[in-house]
Amino acid sequence: VAKTFGKHVSNSVPLYAEGQKLITEFSDFFVGKNEKVYDLGCSTGSLTKLLADRHKSHNVEIIGIDIEEKMIEEAIKKNSSENINYLTEDIVSFTLEPTNFISAYYTMQFISPSVRQFLFNKIYDSLNWGGALVIFEKVRASDARFQDYFSQLYQEFKLNNNFTADQIISKSKSLKRVLEPFSSEANIDLMKRAGFKDIITIQKYLCFEGFLAIK
């Protein structure tokens, strides 16, 4: 999975590369010199590397964290930089140092709902005042009719990207109890309970949404 992750996820998630580019552009508003930035659930490090390249001249350390060792191994092979520190850690138990910017790119949806609020709380507490969290998530629609529309159009998106019907069904089965997306409203509620008050959608395509939350 790790070796083919980049190509697979780009074909599976609409506007995947565009979302990463948008995060790096928003980071300019929050990342200063000599700081630490966290990329939570960094997988093979494509976004981590973009952030590192963006802020290389400012002596910024980008910390990419993923629980899967093979993902980190691929990140080190494909997306290393002198200002990146890749760690194989569980972000739920990992201690975050004070920071002005945290990204979680399609990460929170894989965190158990039982500890998801705890993680949002920890992220909020680690941010300096005026710091930002950017998260992108697969989201559920607000009612069954809209969810049906989104699901059908997303299946068509994957078929148009050369996935077979069997592959789509197999993938759906493999993600049971692994991928547990919340609605847009539920994600915002999690952030608000953590303490965030300034929250806005920065990208949206069907059941894929990016949020910017400022402390």
Protein backbone atom coordinates (compact mmCIF):
# COMPACT_ATOMS: atom_id res chain seq x y z
CA VAL A 1 0.00 0.00 0.00
CA ALA A 2 2.73 2.48 0.94
CA LYS A 3 4.61 2.08 -2.35
CA THR A 4 1.53 2.78 -4.48
CA PHE A 5 -0.20 5.14 -2.06
CA GLY A 6 0.46 8.39 -3.94
CA LYS A 7 -1.02 7.25 -7.24
CA HIS A 8 -3.90 5.42 -5.59
CA VAL A 9 -5.03 8.29 -3.36
CA SER A 10 -4.75 10.83 -6.19
CA ASN A 11 -7.15 8.71 -8.23
CA SER A 12 -9.44 8.16 -5.24
CA VAL A 13 -9.78 11.64 -3.73
CA PRO A 14 -11.00 14.55 -5.89
CA LEU A 15 -8.72 17.62 -5.90
CA TYR A 16 -6.12 15.81 -3.82
CA ALA A 17 -3.10 17.71 -5.18
CA GLU A 18 -5.04 20.98 -5.24
CA GLY A 19 -5.91 20.58 -1.57
CA GLN A 20 -2.27 20.09 -0.64
CA LYS A 21 -1.26 23.17 -2.61
CA LEU A 22 -3.98 25.18 -0.87
CA ILE A 23 -2.70 24.12 2.56
CA THR A 24 0.83 25.27 1.75
CA GLU A 25 -0.52 28.62 0.56
CA PHE A 26 -2.55 29.12 3.74
CA SER A 27 0.47 28.22 5.84
CA ASP A 28 2.10 31.50 4.75
CA PHE A 29 -0.34 33.38 6.99
CA PHE A 30 0.71 31.49 10.13
CA VAL A 31 4.23 30.07 9.88
CA GLY A 32 7.07 32.34 11.00
CA LYS A 33 10.83 31.91 11.27
CA ASN A 34 12.47 29.22 13.42
CA GLU A 35 9.21 27.41 14.17
CA LYS A 36 7.90 23.86 14.22
CA VAL A 37 5.02 22.76 12.00
CA TYR A 38 3.17 19.45 12.34
CA ASP A 39 1.74 17.34 9.53
CA LEU A 40 -0.41 14.73 11.30
CA GLY A 41 -1.00 11.48 9.44
CA CYS A 42 1.60 12.42 6.85
CA SER A 43 1.50 9.05 5.00
CA THR A 44 4.31 9.13 2.39
CA GLY A 45 5.11 12.78 3.00
CA SER A 46 3.96 14.57 -0.15
CA LEU A 47 2.31 17.41 1.78
CA THR A 48 5.12 17.42 4.36
CA LYS A 49 7.66 17.99 1.59
CA LEU A 50 5.59 20.80 0.06
CA LEU A 51 5.46 22.56 3.43
CA ALA A 52 9.18 22.01 3.96
CA ASP A 53 10.06 23.47 0.56
CA ARG A 54 7.71 26.40 1.12
CA HIS A 55 9.38 27.45 4.39
CA LYS A 56 12.92 26.20 3.90
CA SER A 57 14.46 29.67 3.91
CA HIS A 58 12.84 30.47 7.27
CA ASN A 59 14.55 27.68 9.21
CA VAL A 60 11.21 25.96 9.87
CA GLU A 61 11.18 22.33 11.01
CA ILE A 62 8.34 20.25 9.54
CA ILE A 63 7.44 17.22 11.63
CA GLY A 64 5.59 14.51 9.70
CA ILE A 65 3.93 11.89 11.89
CA ASP A 66 2.27 8.63 10.86
CA ILE A 67 1.44 5.48 12.80
CA GLU A 68 2.30 3.22 9.84
CA GLU A 69 6.02 2.44 9.74
CA LYS A 70 5.98 1.56 6.04
CA MET A 71 4.45 4.93 5.19
CA ILE A 72 7.25 6.68 7.07
CA GLU A 73 9.83 4.52 5.29
CA GLU A 74 8.42 5.61 1.93
CA ALA A 75 8.30 9.24 3.09
CA ILE A 76 11.98 9.12 3.96
CA LYS A 77 12.80 7.57 0.58
CA LYS A 78 10.64 9.85 -1.57
CA ASN A 79 10.15 13.11 0.29
CA SER A 80 13.13 13.78 2.54
CA SER A 81 14.53 17.22 3.24
CA GLU A 82 16.99 18.61 5.74
CA ASN A 83 14.19 20.50 7.50
CA ILE A 84 11.84 17.49 7.81
CA ASN A 85 11.71 15.11 10.76
CA TYR A 86 9.58 12.01 10.09
CA LEU A 87 8.31 10.07 13.10
CA THR A 88 6.46 6.76 13.43
CA GLU A 89 4.09 7.67 16.24
CA ASP A 90 0.46 7.49 17.31
CA ILE A 91 -0.75 11.09 17.09
CA VAL A 92 -3.32 10.43 19.84
CA SER A 93 -0.60 9.79 22.43
CA PHE A 94 2.19 11.90 20.88
CA THR A 95 3.06 15.13 22.72
CA LEU A 96 2.74 18.18 20.50
CA GLU A 97 4.95 21.15 21.28
CA PRO A 98 3.63 24.72 20.90
CA THR A 99 3.14 25.60 17.24
CA ASN A 100 1.42 28.06 14.92
CA PHE A 101 0.34 25.59 12.24
CA ILE A 102 -0.93 22.00 12.11
CA SER A 103 -2.23 20.09 9.09
CA ALA A 104 -4.23 16.89 9.15
CA TYR A 105 -4.87 15.87 5.55
CA TYR A 106 -7.54 13.15 5.46
CA THR A 107 -6.34 11.93 8.85
CA MET A 108 -8.98 12.58 11.53
CA GLN A 109 -11.46 10.32 9.73
CA PHE A 110 -9.25 7.35 10.63
CA ILE A 111 -9.10 8.25 14.33
CA SER A 112 -11.49 6.28 16.52
CA PRO A 113 -14.57 8.41 17.32
CA SER A 114 -14.03 7.55 20.99
CA VAL A 115 -10.82 9.62 21.09
CA ARG A 116 -11.39 12.06 18.25
CA GLN A 117 -12.56 14.84 20.55
CA PHE A 118 -9.53 14.25 22.77
CA LEU A 119 -7.24 14.73 19.77
CA PHE A 120 -8.97 17.93 18.67
CA ASN A 121 -8.62 19.21 22.23
CA LYS A 122 -4.91 18.39 22.24
CA ILE A 123 -4.38 20.10 18.90
CA TYR A 124 -6.16 23.23 20.12
CA ASP A 125 -4.11 23.31 23.33
CA SER A 126 -0.83 22.98 21.40
CA LEU A 127 -1.57 25.90 19.08
CA ASN A 128 -0.37 29.35 19.98
CA TRP A 129 -2.98 32.10 20.04
CA GLY A 130 -3.68 32.99 16.40
CA GLY A 131 -2.34 29.62 15.20
CA ALA A 132 -4.25 27.46 12.74
CA LEU A 133 -5.39 23.92 12.14
CA VAL A 134 -6.18 22.85 8.58
CA ILE A 135 -8.03 19.57 8.21
CA PHE A 136 -9.40 17.87 5.13
CA GLU A 137 -11.94 15.09 5.61
CA LYS A 138 -14.31 12.82 3.79
CA VAL A 139 -17.66 13.99 5.17
CA ARG A 140 -21.17 12.63 5.35
CA ALA A 141 -24.01 14.69 3.91
CA SER A 142 -26.55 16.37 6.14
CA ASP A 143 -29.39 14.01 5.16
CA ALA A 144 -29.96 10.69 3.37
CA ARG A 145 -31.00 12.21 0.04
CA PHE A 146 -27.84 14.32 -0.27
CA GLN A 147 -25.72 11.39 0.91
CA ASP A 148 -27.22 9.27 -1.87
CA TYR A 149 -26.35 11.94 -4.45
CA PHE A 150 -22.79 12.23 -3.15
CA SER A 151 -22.26 8.46 -3.03
CA GLN A 152 -23.45 7.92 -6.58
CA LEU A 153 -21.39 10.75 -8.02
CA TYR A 154 -18.31 9.63 -6.09
CA GLN A 155 -18.68 6.11 -7.45
CA GLU A 156 -18.86 7.58 -10.94
CA PHE A 157 -15.72 9.60 -10.20
CA LYS A 158 -13.84 6.43 -9.29
CA LEU A 159 -15.16 4.54 -12.32
CA ASN A 160 -13.97 7.41 -14.52
CA ASN A 161 -10.53 7.02 -12.90
CA ASN A 162 -10.38 3.40 -14.07
CA PHE A 163 -11.41 1.64 -10.86
CA THR A 164 -13.55 -1.41 -11.52
CA ALA A 165 -16.85 -2.00 -9.76
CA ASP A 166 -15.27 -4.94 -7.89
CA GLN A 167 -12.39 -2.74 -6.72
CA ILE A 168 -14.80 -0.09 -5.45
CA ILE A 169 -16.83 -2.65 -3.51
CA SER A 170 -13.70 -4.33 -2.14
CA LYS A 171 -12.30 -0.99 -0.99
CA SER A 172 -15.56 -0.10 0.72
CA LYS A 173 -15.54 -3.40 2.62
CA SER A 174 -11.90 -2.99 3.66
CA LEU A 175 -12.66 0.39 5.24
CA LYS A 176 -15.39 -0.84 7.57
CA ARG A 177 -14.58 0.31 11.13
CA VAL A 178 -11.40 1.90 9.75
CA LEU A 179 -12.73 4.98 7.96
CA GLU A 180 -15.50 6.63 10.01
CA PRO A 181 -16.30 10.04 8.54
CA PHE A 182 -18.50 12.58 10.30
CA SER A 183 -20.74 15.18 8.71
CA SER A 184 -19.50 18.71 8.07
CA GLU A 185 -21.57 19.89 11.02
CA ALA A 186 -20.16 17.20 13.33
CA ASN A 187 -16.58 18.10 12.41
CA ILE A 188 -17.28 21.75 13.13
CA ASP A 189 -18.87 20.76 16.46
CA LEU A 190 -15.71 18.84 17.40
CA MET A 191 -13.59 21.87 16.67
CA LYS A 192 -15.91 24.20 18.56
CA ARG A 193 -15.93 21.94 21.61
CA ALA A 194 -12.14 21.96 21.52
CA GLY A 195 -12.23 25.76 21.69
CA PHE A 196 -12.06 26.94 18.07
CA LYS A 197 -14.46 29.75 17.22
CA ASP A 198 -13.23 30.93 13.82
CA ILE A 199 -13.85 28.06 11.37
CA ILE A 200 -14.43 28.19 7.62
CA THR A 201 -14.59 25.78 4.68
CA ILE A 202 -11.72 26.39 2.25
CA GLN A 203 -12.40 23.59 -0.26
CA LYS A 204 -15.40 21.39 -0.97
CA TYR A 205 -16.10 18.74 -3.61
CA LEU A 206 -19.01 16.34 -2.98
CA CYS A 207 -18.12 14.41 0.20
CA PHE A 208 -14.61 15.89 0.55
CA GLU A 209 -14.12 19.08 2.53
CA GLY A 210 -11.28 21.18 3.86
CA PHE A 211 -11.58 23.38 6.95
CA LEU A 212 -9.44 26.17 8.36
CA ALA A 213 -9.78 26.71 12.13
CA ILE A 214 -7.96 29.54 13.92
CA LYS A 215 -7.32 29.71 17.66
